[in-house]
Amino acid sequence: LRLSCAASGNFFGISVMGWYRQAPGK
């Protein structure tokens, strides 16, 4: 699978981006 994340608003100054995940009960 390929996930995408589009940002809007003030993108300037975003130093790091990433992905978190949360499984049930964790």
PDB file of all heavy atoms in Angstrom:
ATOM      1  N   LEU A   1       0.855  -1.178   0.000  1.00  0.00           N
ATOM      2  CA  LEU A   1       0.000   0.000   0.000  1.00  0.00           C
ATOM      3  C   LEU A   1       0.895   1.233   0.000  1.00  0.00           C
ATOM      4  O   LEU A   1       2.026   1.194   0.495  1.00  0.00           O
ATOM      5  CB  LEU A   1      -0.893   0.052   1.247  1.00  0.00           C
ATOM      6  CG  LEU A   1      -2.193  -0.744   1.289  1.00  0.00           C
ATOM      7  CD1 LEU A   1      -2.853  -0.596   2.647  1.00  0.00           C
ATOM      8  CD2 LEU A   1      -3.133  -0.341   0.176  1.00  0.00           C
ATOM      9  N   ARG A   2       0.344   2.308  -0.530  1.00  0.00           N
ATOM     10  CA  ARG A   2       1.061   3.586  -0.512  1.00  0.00           C
ATOM     11  C   ARG A   2       0.158   4.624   0.136  1.00  0.00           C
ATOM     12  O   ARG A   2      -0.945   4.875  -0.352  1.00  0.00           O
ATOM     13  CB  ARG A   2       1.447   4.020  -1.920  1.00  0.00           C
ATOM     14  CG  ARG A   2       2.188   5.352  -1.997  1.00  0.00           C
ATOM     15  CD  ARG A   2       2.582   5.646  -3.428  1.00  0.00           C
ATOM     16  NE  ARG A   2       3.108   6.975  -3.641  1.00  0.00           N
ATOM     17  CZ  ARG A   2       4.378   7.320  -3.474  1.00  0.00           C
ATOM     18  NH1 ARG A   2       5.254   6.428  -3.062  1.00  0.00           N
ATOM     19  NH2 ARG A   2       4.769   8.568  -3.728  1.00  0.00           N
ATOM     20  N   LEU A   3       0.639   5.197   1.233  1.00  0.00           N
ATOM     21  CA  LEU A   3      -0.093   6.254   1.907  1.00  0.00           C
ATOM     22  C   LEU A   3       0.455   7.614   1.477  1.00  0.00           C
ATOM     23  O   LEU A   3       1.659   7.769   1.257  1.00  0.00           O
ATOM     24  CB  LEU A   3       0.029   6.119   3.421  1.00  0.00           C
ATOM     25  CG  LEU A   3      -0.423   4.803   4.044  1.00  0.00           C
ATOM     26  CD1 LEU A   3      -0.319   4.882   5.559  1.00  0.00           C
ATOM     27  CD2 LEU A   3      -1.822   4.434   3.621  1.00  0.00           C
ATOM     28  N   SER A   4      -0.447   8.572   1.398  1.00  0.00           N
ATOM     29  CA  SER A   4      -0.059   9.941   1.088  1.00  0.00           C
ATOM     30  C   SER A   4      -0.572  10.866   2.180  1.00  0.00           C
ATOM     31  O   SER A   4      -1.593  10.594   2.809  1.00  0.00           O
ATOM     32  CB  SER A   4      -0.644  10.374  -0.257  1.00  0.00           C
ATOM     33  OG  SER A   4      -0.168   9.563  -1.301  1.00  0.00           O
ATOM     34  N   CYS A   5       0.151  11.953   2.388  1.00  0.00           N
ATOM     35  CA  CYS A   5      -0.259  12.964   3.354  1.00  0.00           C
ATOM     36  C   CYS A   5      -0.026  14.328   2.724  1.00  0.00           C
ATOM     37  O   CYS A   5       1.113  14.667   2.386  1.00  0.00           O
ATOM     38  CB  CYS A   5       0.537  12.830   4.638  1.00  0.00           C
ATOM     39  SG  CYS A   5       0.247  14.151   5.834  1.00  0.00           S
ATOM     40  N   ALA A   6      -1.096  15.065   2.561  1.00  0.00           N
ATOM     41  CA  ALA A   6      -1.015  16.392   1.961  1.00  0.00           C
ATOM     42  C   ALA A   6      -1.176  17.447   3.045  1.00  0.00           C
ATOM     43  O   ALA A   6      -2.101  17.376   3.857  1.00  0.00           O
ATOM     44  CB  ALA A   6      -2.095  16.553   0.907  1.00  0.00           C
ATOM     45  N   ALA A   7      -0.273  18.404   3.038  1.00  0.00           N
ATOM     46  CA  ALA A   7      -0.314  19.491   4.023  1.00  0.00           C
ATOM     47  C   ALA A   7      -0.880  20.744   3.386  1.00  0.00           C
ATOM     48  O   ALA A   7      -0.630  21.029   2.211  1.00  0.00           O
ATOM     49  CB  ALA A   7       1.080  19.768   4.559  1.00  0.00           C
ATOM     50  N   SER A   8      -1.650  21.474   4.164  1.00  0.00           N
ATOM     51  CA  SER A   8      -2.136  22.774   3.726  1.00  0.00           C
ATOM     52  C   SER A   8      -1.895  23.765   4.866  1.00  0.00           C
ATOM     53  O   SER A   8      -1.586  23.384   5.990  1.00  0.00           O
ATOM     54  CB  SER A   8      -3.618  22.719   3.367  1.00  0.00           C
ATOM     55  OG  SER A   8      -4.395  22.317   4.481  1.00  0.00           O
ATOM     56  N   GLY A   9      -2.018  25.027   4.544  1.00  0.00           N
ATOM     57  CA  GLY A   9      -1.711  26.034   5.542  1.00  0.00           C
ATOM     58  C   GLY A   9      -0.263  26.456   5.406  1.00  0.00           C
ATOM     59  O   GLY A   9       0.323  26.406   4.337  1.00  0.00           O
ATOM     60  N   ASN A  10       0.343  26.810   6.524  1.00  0.00           N
ATOM     61  CA  ASN A  10       1.701  27.342   6.509  1.00  0.00           C
ATOM     62  C   ASN A  10       2.712  26.198   6.599  1.00  0.00           C
ATOM     63  O   ASN A  10       3.021  25.689   7.663  1.00  0.00           O
ATOM     64  CB  ASN A  10       1.905  28.325   7.654  1.00  0.00           C
ATOM     65  CG  ASN A  10       3.115  29.202   7.416  1.00  0.00           C
ATOM     66  OD1 ASN A  10       3.985  28.865   6.612  1.00  0.00           O
ATOM     67  ND2 ASN A  10       3.171  30.323   8.098  1.00  0.00           N
ATOM     68  N   PHE A  11       3.231  25.810   5.450  1.00  0.00           N
ATOM     69  CA  PHE A  11       4.179  24.697   5.391  1.00  0.00           C
ATOM     70  C   PHE A  11       5.584  25.126   5.792  1.00  0.00           C
ATOM     71  O   PHE A  11       6.406  24.297   6.203  1.00  0.00           O
ATOM     72  CB  PHE A  11       4.189  24.125   3.974  1.00  0.00           C
ATOM     73  CG  PHE A  11       4.877  22.793   3.850  1.00  0.00           C
ATOM     74  CD1 PHE A  11       4.276  21.642   4.323  1.00  0.00           C
ATOM     75  CD2 PHE A  11       6.122  22.686   3.238  1.00  0.00           C
ATOM     76  CE1 PHE A  11       4.895  20.409   4.201  1.00  0.00           C
ATOM     77  CE2 PHE A  11       6.739  21.462   3.100  1.00  0.00           C
ATOM     78  CZ  PHE A  11       6.137  20.318   3.584  1.00  0.00           C
ATOM     79  N   PHE A  12       5.852  26.424   5.701  1.00  0.00           N
ATOM     80  CA  PHE A  12       7.183  26.929   6.025  1.00  0.00           C
ATOM     81  C   PHE A  12       7.528  26.612   7.477  1.00  0.00           C
ATOM     82  O   PHE A  12       6.719  26.815   8.370  1.00  0.00           O
ATOM     83  CB  PHE A  12       7.242  28.446   5.814  1.00  0.00           C
ATOM     84  CG  PHE A  12       8.535  29.056   6.296  1.00  0.00           C
ATOM     85  CD1 PHE A  12       9.681  28.943   5.531  1.00  0.00           C
ATOM     86  CD2 PHE A  12       8.612  29.716   7.509  1.00  0.00           C
ATOM     87  CE1 PHE A  12      10.875  29.494   5.957  1.00  0.00           C
ATOM     88  CE2 PHE A  12       9.795  30.259   7.957  1.00  0.00           C
ATOM     89  CZ  PHE A  12      10.941  30.155   7.180  1.00  0.00           C
ATOM     90  N   GLY A  13       8.714  26.077   7.687  1.00  0.00           N
ATOM     91  CA  GLY A  13       9.165  25.807   9.040  1.00  0.00           C
ATOM     92  C   GLY A  13       8.878  24.406   9.546  1.00  0.00           C
ATOM     93  O   GLY A  13       9.258  24.064  10.679  1.00  0.00           O
ATOM     94  N   ILE A  14       8.229  23.582   8.732  1.00  0.00           N
ATOM     95  CA  ILE A  14       8.024  22.193   9.146  1.00  0.00           C
ATOM     96  C   ILE A  14       9.364  21.481   9.022  1.00  0.00           C
ATOM     97  O   ILE A  14       9.859  21.248   7.926  1.00  0.00           O
ATOM     98  CB  ILE A  14       6.953  21.502   8.296  1.00  0.00           C
ATOM     99  CG1 ILE A  14       5.593  22.152   8.544  1.00  0.00           C
ATOM    100  CG2 ILE A  14       6.896  20.023   8.642  1.00  0.00           C
ATOM    101  CD1 ILE A  14       4.450  21.499   7.792  1.00  0.00           C
ATOM    102  N   SER A  15       9.934  21.149  10.162  1.00  0.00           N
ATOM    103  CA  SER A  15      11.287  20.611  10.176  1.00  0.00           C
ATOM    104  C   SER A  15      11.319  19.100   9.948  1.00  0.00           C
ATOM    105  O   SER A  15      12.268  18.572   9.388  1.00  0.00           O
ATOM    106  CB  SER A  15      11.958  20.927  11.509  1.00  0.00           C
ATOM    107  OG  SER A  15      11.178  20.417  12.575  1.00  0.00           O
ATOM    108  N   VAL A  16      10.308  18.420  10.399  1.00  0.00           N
ATOM    109  CA  VAL A  16      10.292  16.966  10.261  1.00  0.00           C
ATOM    110  C   VAL A  16       8.848  16.517  10.080  1.00  0.00           C
ATOM    111  O   VAL A  16       7.922  17.107  10.636  1.00  0.00           O
ATOM    112  CB  VAL A  16      10.933  16.276  11.481  1.00  0.00           C
ATOM    113  CG1 VAL A  16      10.198  16.612  12.755  1.00  0.00           C
ATOM    114  CG2 VAL A  16      11.028  14.776  11.291  1.00  0.00           C
ATOM    115  N   MET A  17       8.677  15.499   9.269  1.00  0.00           N
ATOM    116  CA  MET A  17       7.367  14.866   9.079  1.00  0.00           C
ATOM    117  C   MET A  17       7.539  13.364   9.235  1.00  0.00           C
ATOM    118  O   MET A  17       8.650  12.833   9.134  1.00  0.00           O
ATOM    119  CB  MET A  17       6.796  15.198   7.707  1.00  0.00           C
ATOM    120  CG  MET A  17       6.547  16.679   7.490  1.00  0.00           C
ATOM    121  SD  MET A  17       5.670  17.040   5.950  1.00  0.00           S
ATOM    122  CE  MET A  17       4.002  16.484   6.383  1.00  0.00           C
ATOM    123  N   GLY A  18       6.429  12.713   9.504  1.00  0.00           N
ATOM    124  CA  GLY A  18       6.542  11.275   9.686  1.00  0.00           C
ATOM    125  C   GLY A  18       5.198  10.609   9.798  1.00  0.00           C
ATOM    126  O   GLY A  18       4.151  11.215   9.529  1.00  0.00           O
ATOM    127  N   TRP A  19       5.261   9.352  10.181  1.00  0.00           N
ATOM    128  CA  TRP A  19       4.061   8.537  10.337  1.00  0.00           C
ATOM    129  C   TRP A  19       4.085   7.835  11.680  1.00  0.00           C
ATOM    130  O   TRP A  19       5.094   7.246  12.081  1.00  0.00           O
ATOM    131  CB  TRP A  19       3.996   7.493   9.227  1.00  0.00           C
ATOM    132  CG  TRP A  19       3.789   8.086   7.869  1.00  0.00           C
ATOM    133  CD1 TRP A  19       4.746   8.483   6.982  1.00  0.00           C
ATOM    134  CD2 TRP A  19       2.532   8.358   7.237  1.00  0.00           C
ATOM    135  NE1 TRP A  19       4.170   8.993   5.852  1.00  0.00           N
ATOM    136  CE2 TRP A  19       2.805   8.921   5.982  1.00  0.00           C
ATOM    137  CE3 TRP A  19       1.201   8.175   7.621  1.00  0.00           C
ATOM    138  CZ2 TRP A  19       1.800   9.301   5.094  1.00  0.00           C
ATOM    139  CZ3 TRP A  19       0.200   8.549   6.738  1.00  0.00           C
ATOM    140  CH2 TRP A  19       0.511   9.110   5.500  1.00  0.00           C
ATOM    141  N   TYR A  20       2.952   7.932  12.359  1.00  0.00           N
ATOM    142  CA  TYR A  20       2.682   7.165  13.559  1.00  0.00           C
ATOM    143  C   TYR A  20       1.631   6.112  13.198  1.00  0.00           C
ATOM    144  O   TYR A  20       0.911   6.247  12.221  1.00  0.00           O
ATOM    145  CB  TYR A  20       2.094   8.046  14.656  1.00  0.00           C
ATOM    146  CG  TYR A  20       3.078   8.869  15.449  1.00  0.00           C
ATOM    147  CD1 TYR A  20       3.732   9.948  14.884  1.00  0.00           C
ATOM    148  CD2 TYR A  20       3.315   8.587  16.793  1.00  0.00           C
ATOM    149  CE1 TYR A  20       4.617  10.719  15.628  1.00  0.00           C
ATOM    150  CE2 TYR A  20       4.188   9.348  17.551  1.00  0.00           C
ATOM    151  CZ  TYR A  20       4.835  10.412  16.962  1.00  0.00           C
ATOM    152  OH  TYR A  20       5.703  11.172  17.716  1.00  0.00           O
ATOM    153  N   ARG A  21       1.529   5.110  14.038  1.00  0.00           N
ATOM    154  CA  ARG A  21       0.421   4.183  13.901  1.00  0.00           C
ATOM    155  C   ARG A  21      -0.025   3.713  15.279  1.00  0.00           C
ATOM    156  O   ARG A  21       0.764   3.693  16.223  1.00  0.00           O
ATOM    157  CB  ARG A  21       0.783   2.988  13.028  1.00  0.00           C
ATOM    158  CG  ARG A  21       1.881   2.082  13.558  1.00  0.00           C
ATOM    159  CD  ARG A  21       2.206   1.004  12.530  1.00  0.00           C
ATOM    160  NE  ARG A  21       3.240   0.085  12.999  1.00  0.00           N
ATOM    161  CZ  ARG A  21       3.732  -0.908  12.273  1.00  0.00           C
ATOM    162  NH1 ARG A  21       3.281  -1.115  11.028  1.00  0.00           N
ATOM    163  NH2 ARG A  21       4.655  -1.701  12.769  1.00  0.00           N
ATOM    164  N   GLN A  22      -1.306   3.354  15.340  1.00  0.00           N
ATOM    165  CA  GLN A  22      -1.887   2.903  16.597  1.00  0.00           C
ATOM    166  C   GLN A  22      -2.750   1.686  16.335  1.00  0.00           C
ATOM    167  O   GLN A  22      -3.772   1.776  15.645  1.00  0.00           O
ATOM    168  CB  GLN A  22      -2.703   4.007  17.251  1.00  0.00           C
ATOM    169  CG  GLN A  22      -3.216   3.656  18.630  1.00  0.00           C
ATOM    170  CD  GLN A  22      -3.796   4.858  19.362  1.00  0.00           C
ATOM    171  OE1 GLN A  22      -4.173   5.851  18.750  1.00  0.00           O
ATOM    172  NE2 GLN A  22      -3.844   4.782  20.685  1.00  0.00           N
ATOM    173  N   ALA A  23      -2.321   0.566  16.903  1.00  0.00           N
ATOM    174  CA  ALA A  23      -3.090  -0.668  16.809  1.00  0.00           C
ATOM    175  C   ALA A  23      -4.079  -0.723  17.977  1.00  0.00           C
ATOM    176  O   ALA A  23      -3.868  -0.056  19.013  1.00  0.00           O
ATOM    177  CB  ALA A  23      -2.156  -1.874  16.849  1.00  0.00           C
ATOM    178  N   PRO A  24      -5.149  -1.519  17.862  1.00  0.00           N
ATOM    179  CA  PRO A  24      -6.139  -1.617  18.948  1.00  0.00           C
ATOM    180  C   PRO A  24      -5.485  -2.004  20.275  1.00  0.00           C
ATOM    181  O   PRO A  24      -4.711  -2.963  20.338  1.00  0.00           O
ATOM    182  CB  PRO A  24      -7.086  -2.702  18.455  1.00  0.00           C
ATOM    183  CG  PRO A  24      -6.984  -2.636  16.975  1.00  0.00           C
ATOM    184  CD  PRO A  24      -5.552  -2.290  16.690  1.00  0.00           C
ATOM    185  N   GLY A  25      -5.758  -1.235  21.314  1.00  0.00           N
ATOM    186  CA  GLY A  25      -5.239  -1.535  22.633  1.00  0.00           C
ATOM    187  C   GLY A  25      -3.785  -1.157  22.859  1.00  0.00           C
ATOM    188  O   GLY A  25      -3.221  -1.479  23.908  1.00  0.00           O
ATOM    189  N   LYS A  26      -3.189  -0.488  21.877  1.00  0.00           N
ATOM    190  CA  LYS A  26      -1.772  -0.112  22.000  1.00  0.00           C
ATOM    191  C   LYS A  26      -1.605   1.392  21.884  1.00  0.00           C
ATOM    192  O   LYS A  26      -2.508   2.110  21.459  1.00  0.00           O
ATOM    193  CB  LYS A  26      -0.945  -0.833  20.932  1.00  0.00           C
ATOM    194  CG  LYS A  26      -0.938  -2.348  21.089  1.00  0.00           C
ATOM    195  CD  LYS A  26       0.048  -2.998  20.144  1.00  0.00           C
ATOM    196  CE  LYS A  26       0.097  -4.495  20.362  1.00  0.00           C
ATOM    197  NZ  LYS A  26       1.081  -5.161  19.453  1.00  0.00           N
TER     198      LYS A  26
END
